[in-house]
Amino acid sequence: MYAIIRTGGKQYQVAPGERLRVEKLAGEVGDTVELADVLLVADGSEIRVGRPMVEGAKVTARIIEQDKAKKVLVFKKKRRKGYRLKKGHRQPYTALEVKEIL
């Protein structure tokens, strides 16, 4: 059994027991999150496709980590002008463990 969900402007294929990183969601470590934007649910040979969401379907997951990703460096330079700019960015994320697909 698996489902395709939408969160943070991206789509993910998830299955029970699977771990994934998504854009930051509100909540503390250990909290349960319900993801209601389910686009597709497949259970064996039965496939339900939503238009755009599957009616009554939801994915339950547990927050296992709230953290930031590795730093991405942004360096800008204009030759012969003495212009240099160095910035860093760390994107926050939430790590989830999928419990069940309803």
N, C-alpha and C. Protein backbone atom coordinates (compact mmCIF):
# COMPACT_ATOMS: atom_id res chain seq x y z
N MET A 1 0.85 -1.18 0.00
CA MET A 1 0.00 0.00 0.00
C MET A 1 0.89 1.24 0.00
N TYR A 2 0.52 2.21 -0.83
CA TYR A 2 1.24 3.48 -0.84
C TYR A 2 0.28 4.60 -1.22
N ALA A 3 0.75 5.83 -0.99
CA ALA A 3 -0.06 7.00 -1.32
C ALA A 3 0.86 8.08 -1.86
N ILE A 4 0.29 8.99 -2.62
CA ILE A 4 1.02 10.17 -3.07
C ILE A 4 0.38 11.36 -2.38
N ILE A 5 1.20 12.11 -1.62
CA ILE A 5 0.70 13.25 -0.86
C ILE A 5 1.34 14.53 -1.37
N ARG A 6 0.72 15.65 -1.02
CA ARG A 6 1.26 16.96 -1.38
C ARG A 6 1.43 17.77 -0.10
N THR A 7 2.66 18.26 0.12
CA THR A 7 2.94 19.13 1.25
C THR A 7 4.13 20.01 0.91
N GLY A 8 4.08 21.24 1.30
CA GLY A 8 5.19 22.15 1.04
C GLY A 8 5.41 22.44 -0.43
N GLY A 9 4.37 22.31 -1.25
CA GLY A 9 4.50 22.58 -2.67
C GLY A 9 5.15 21.45 -3.45
N LYS A 10 5.36 20.31 -2.82
CA LYS A 10 5.99 19.16 -3.47
C LYS A 10 5.11 17.92 -3.28
N GLN A 11 5.34 16.91 -4.10
CA GLN A 11 4.61 15.66 -3.99
C GLN A 11 5.56 14.54 -3.58
N TYR A 12 5.08 13.65 -2.71
CA TYR A 12 5.89 12.55 -2.19
C TYR A 12 5.10 11.26 -2.27
N GLN A 13 5.79 10.17 -2.61
CA GLN A 13 5.18 8.84 -2.55
C GLN A 13 5.58 8.25 -1.21
N VAL A 14 4.57 7.86 -0.40
CA VAL A 14 4.83 7.36 0.94
C VAL A 14 4.17 6.01 1.15
N ALA A 15 4.76 5.25 2.07
CA ALA A 15 4.22 3.95 2.47
C ALA A 15 4.34 3.85 3.98
N PRO A 16 3.51 3.04 4.65
CA PRO A 16 3.61 2.91 6.10
C PRO A 16 5.00 2.44 6.54
N GLY A 17 5.52 3.08 7.60
CA GLY A 17 6.84 2.74 8.12
C GLY A 17 7.97 3.50 7.47
N GLU A 18 7.69 4.26 6.44
CA GLU A 18 8.71 5.00 5.69
C GLU A 18 9.03 6.32 6.37
N ARG A 19 10.28 6.79 6.23
CA ARG A 19 10.69 8.08 6.77
C ARG A 19 10.99 9.02 5.61
N LEU A 20 10.62 10.30 5.77
CA LEU A 20 10.89 11.26 4.72
C LEU A 20 11.06 12.65 5.31
N ARG A 21 11.73 13.51 4.56
CA ARG A 21 11.93 14.92 4.95
C ARG A 21 11.02 15.78 4.10
N VAL A 22 10.28 16.66 4.76
CA VAL A 22 9.40 17.59 4.06
C VAL A 22 9.72 19.01 4.53
N GLU A 23 9.16 19.99 3.84
CA GLU A 23 9.32 21.37 4.28
C GLU A 23 8.75 21.51 5.68
N LYS A 24 9.25 22.45 6.44
CA LYS A 24 8.93 22.58 7.86
C LYS A 24 7.43 22.63 8.12
N LEU A 25 6.99 21.78 9.07
CA LEU A 25 5.61 21.75 9.53
C LEU A 25 5.57 22.17 11.00
N ALA A 26 4.48 22.74 11.43
CA ALA A 26 4.33 23.14 12.83
C ALA A 26 4.16 21.90 13.69
N GLY A 27 4.79 21.91 14.86
CA GLY A 27 4.66 20.80 15.79
C GLY A 27 5.98 20.47 16.45
N GLU A 28 5.88 19.70 17.52
CA GLU A 28 7.06 19.29 18.28
C GLU A 28 7.41 17.84 17.94
N VAL A 29 8.63 17.44 18.30
CA VAL A 29 9.05 16.05 18.09
C VAL A 29 8.15 15.13 18.90
N GLY A 30 7.64 14.09 18.26
CA GLY A 30 6.73 13.16 18.91
C GLY A 30 5.26 13.42 18.60
N ASP A 31 4.94 14.61 18.10
CA ASP A 31 3.55 14.94 17.75
C ASP A 31 3.10 14.13 16.54
N THR A 32 1.79 13.94 16.43
CA THR A 32 1.19 13.26 15.29
C THR A 32 0.63 14.30 14.33
N VAL A 33 0.89 14.11 13.04
CA VAL A 33 0.44 15.04 12.00
C VAL A 33 -0.44 14.28 11.03
N GLU A 34 -1.56 14.90 10.63
CA GLU A 34 -2.43 14.32 9.62
C GLU A 34 -2.26 15.11 8.33
N LEU A 35 -1.90 14.42 7.26
CA LEU A 35 -1.73 15.05 5.95
C LEU A 35 -2.95 14.71 5.12
N ALA A 36 -3.77 15.73 4.83
CA ALA A 36 -5.05 15.51 4.17
C ALA A 36 -4.97 15.68 2.65
N ASP A 37 -3.88 16.27 2.14
CA ASP A 37 -3.75 16.46 0.70
C ASP A 37 -3.23 15.17 0.05
N VAL A 38 -4.11 14.19 -0.08
CA VAL A 38 -3.75 12.89 -0.65
C VAL A 38 -4.25 12.88 -2.09
N LEU A 39 -3.32 12.70 -3.03
CA LEU A 39 -3.66 12.76 -4.45
C LEU A 39 -3.98 11.38 -5.04
N LEU A 40 -3.39 10.32 -4.45
CA LEU A 40 -3.59 8.98 -4.96
C LEU A 40 -3.38 7.98 -3.83
N VAL A 41 -4.19 6.93 -3.81
CA VAL A 41 -4.02 5.83 -2.85
C VAL A 41 -4.06 4.53 -3.64
N ALA A 42 -3.01 3.71 -3.46
CA ALA A 42 -2.94 2.42 -4.14
C ALA A 42 -2.84 1.33 -3.09
N ASP A 43 -3.76 0.36 -3.15
CA ASP A 43 -3.77 -0.77 -2.22
C ASP A 43 -3.90 -2.04 -3.04
N GLY A 44 -2.77 -2.65 -3.36
CA GLY A 44 -2.79 -3.84 -4.20
C GLY A 44 -3.21 -3.47 -5.61
N SER A 45 -4.29 -4.07 -6.09
CA SER A 45 -4.77 -3.78 -7.44
C SER A 45 -5.76 -2.62 -7.47
N GLU A 46 -6.22 -2.18 -6.31
CA GLU A 46 -7.17 -1.06 -6.24
C GLU A 46 -6.42 0.26 -6.17
N ILE A 47 -6.70 1.13 -7.13
CA ILE A 47 -6.06 2.45 -7.17
C ILE A 47 -7.15 3.51 -7.18
N ARG A 48 -7.07 4.43 -6.22
CA ARG A 48 -8.02 5.55 -6.17
C ARG A 48 -7.26 6.83 -6.49
N VAL A 49 -7.70 7.51 -7.54
CA VAL A 49 -7.07 8.76 -7.97
C VAL A 49 -8.03 9.89 -7.65
N GLY A 50 -7.52 10.95 -7.02
CA GLY A 50 -8.36 12.08 -6.64
C GLY A 50 -8.48 13.10 -7.74
N ARG A 51 -9.49 13.94 -7.62
CA ARG A 51 -9.72 15.02 -8.58
C ARG A 51 -9.99 16.31 -7.85
N PRO A 52 -9.04 17.01 -7.29
CA PRO A 52 -7.62 16.68 -7.20
C PRO A 52 -7.26 15.84 -5.97
N MET A 53 -8.15 15.80 -4.94
CA MET A 53 -7.84 15.03 -3.72
C MET A 53 -8.74 13.80 -3.63
N VAL A 54 -8.24 12.76 -3.00
CA VAL A 54 -9.04 11.56 -2.75
C VAL A 54 -9.94 11.85 -1.56
N GLU A 55 -11.25 11.66 -1.74
CA GLU A 55 -12.22 11.95 -0.70
C GLU A 55 -12.03 11.01 0.50
N GLY A 56 -11.93 11.58 1.69
CA GLY A 56 -11.86 10.80 2.92
C GLY A 56 -10.51 10.15 3.20
N ALA A 57 -9.53 10.38 2.33
CA ALA A 57 -8.21 9.76 2.55
C ALA A 57 -7.31 10.71 3.33
N LYS A 58 -6.48 10.14 4.20
CA LYS A 58 -5.49 10.94 4.92
C LYS A 58 -4.33 10.04 5.32
N VAL A 59 -3.20 10.67 5.54
CA VAL A 59 -1.99 9.96 5.94
C VAL A 59 -1.62 10.46 7.33
N THR A 60 -1.40 9.54 8.26
CA THR A 60 -1.01 9.88 9.61
C THR A 60 0.49 9.63 9.76
N ALA A 61 1.19 10.64 10.29
CA ALA A 61 2.64 10.52 10.46
C ALA A 61 3.05 11.11 11.81
N ARG A 62 4.23 10.71 12.27
CA ARG A 62 4.77 11.21 13.53
C ARG A 62 6.02 12.01 13.23
N ILE A 63 6.15 13.17 13.89
CA ILE A 63 7.33 14.02 13.71
C ILE A 63 8.49 13.39 14.49
N ILE A 64 9.58 13.09 13.79
CA ILE A 64 10.74 12.50 14.46
C ILE A 64 11.91 13.47 14.56
N GLU A 65 11.85 14.59 13.81
CA GLU A 65 12.95 15.55 13.87
C GLU A 65 12.52 16.88 13.30
N GLN A 66 12.94 17.98 13.94
CA GLN A 66 12.79 19.34 13.44
C GLN A 66 14.20 19.91 13.37
N ASP A 67 14.71 20.18 12.18
CA ASP A 67 16.11 20.59 12.06
C ASP A 67 16.29 21.47 10.83
N LYS A 68 17.55 21.80 10.55
CA LYS A 68 17.90 22.56 9.36
C LYS A 68 18.82 21.71 8.50
N ALA A 69 18.72 21.90 7.18
CA ALA A 69 19.57 21.16 6.25
C ALA A 69 20.98 21.73 6.26
N LYS A 70 21.87 21.10 5.52
CA LYS A 70 23.24 21.59 5.41
C LYS A 70 23.25 22.97 4.76
N LYS A 71 24.26 23.74 5.09
CA LYS A 71 24.36 25.11 4.60
C LYS A 71 24.68 25.13 3.10
N VAL A 72 23.96 25.98 2.39
CA VAL A 72 24.22 26.22 0.98
C VAL A 72 24.86 27.59 0.88
N LEU A 73 26.04 27.68 0.27
CA LEU A 73 26.74 28.95 0.13
C LEU A 73 26.38 29.61 -1.19
N VAL A 74 26.16 30.93 -1.13
CA VAL A 74 25.87 31.73 -2.30
C VAL A 74 26.98 32.77 -2.39
N PHE A 75 27.75 32.76 -3.48
CA PHE A 75 28.86 33.68 -3.64
C PHE A 75 28.67 34.44 -4.94
N LYS A 76 28.67 35.77 -4.84
CA LYS A 76 28.54 36.63 -6.01
C LYS A 76 29.81 37.45 -6.16
N LYS A 77 30.20 37.70 -7.40
CA LYS A 77 31.42 38.48 -7.65
C LYS A 77 31.31 39.17 -9.00
N LYS A 78 31.78 40.40 -9.06
CA LYS A 78 31.90 41.11 -10.33
C LYS A 78 33.38 41.38 -10.55
N ARG A 79 33.89 40.92 -11.65
CA ARG A 79 35.32 41.04 -11.90
C ARG A 79 35.75 42.50 -12.06
N ARG A 80 36.90 42.80 -11.53
CA ARG A 80 37.56 44.11 -11.62
C ARG A 80 36.81 45.22 -10.89
N LYS A 81 35.78 44.93 -10.14
CA LYS A 81 35.00 45.97 -9.46
C LYS A 81 35.14 45.90 -7.95
N GLY A 82 35.75 44.87 -7.43
CA GLY A 82 35.89 44.74 -5.98
C GLY A 82 34.60 44.33 -5.28
N TYR A 83 33.63 43.84 -6.06
CA TYR A 83 32.34 43.44 -5.49
C TYR A 83 32.37 41.96 -5.19
N ARG A 84 32.21 41.62 -3.92
CA ARG A 84 32.11 40.23 -3.49
C ARG A 84 31.02 40.13 -2.44
N LEU A 85 30.22 39.09 -2.53
CA LEU A 85 29.14 38.91 -1.57
C LEU A 85 29.04 37.41 -1.26
N LYS A 86 29.14 37.06 -0.01
CA LYS A 86 29.06 35.66 0.41
C LYS A 86 27.94 35.53 1.43
N LYS A 87 26.98 34.67 1.11
CA LYS A 87 25.84 34.42 1.99
C LYS A 87 25.67 32.93 2.16
N GLY A 88 25.05 32.55 3.25
CA GLY A 88 24.73 31.15 3.49
C GLY A 88 23.25 31.00 3.81
N HIS A 89 22.72 29.81 3.55
CA HIS A 89 21.30 29.56 3.83
C HIS A 89 21.14 28.13 4.31
N ARG A 90 20.37 27.95 5.39
CA ARG A 90 20.03 26.61 5.90
C ARG A 90 18.51 26.49 5.91
N GLN A 91 17.99 25.61 5.07
CA GLN A 91 16.55 25.44 4.95
C GLN A 91 16.02 24.56 6.08
N PRO A 92 15.01 25.04 6.83
CA PRO A 92 14.43 24.19 7.88
C PRO A 92 13.59 23.06 7.26
N TYR A 93 13.59 21.91 7.93
CA TYR A 93 12.82 20.77 7.46
C TYR A 93 12.22 20.02 8.64
N THR A 94 11.27 19.16 8.34
CA THR A 94 10.65 18.27 9.33
C THR A 94 10.80 16.84 8.81
N ALA A 95 11.33 15.97 9.66
CA ALA A 95 11.45 14.56 9.29
C ALA A 95 10.23 13.83 9.86
N LEU A 96 9.57 13.06 9.02
CA LEU A 96 8.33 12.36 9.39
C LEU A 96 8.52 10.85 9.26
N GLU A 97 7.80 10.10 10.10
CA GLU A 97 7.69 8.66 9.94
C GLU A 97 6.22 8.36 9.71
N VAL A 98 5.90 7.78 8.57
CA VAL A 98 4.52 7.50 8.19
C VAL A 98 4.01 6.33 9.01
N LYS A 99 2.88 6.54 9.70
CA LYS A 99 2.28 5.48 10.52
C LYS A 99 1.25 4.68 9.74
N GLU A 100 0.27 5.37 9.14
CA GLU A 100 -0.76 4.64 8.41
C GLU A 100 -1.39 5.51 7.33
N ILE A 101 -1.99 4.83 6.38
CA ILE A 101 -2.71 5.49 5.29
C ILE A 101 -4.17 5.08 5.41
N LEU A 102 -5.03 6.06 5.57
CA LEU A 102 -6.47 5.78 5.75
C LEU A 102 -7.25 6.20 4.51
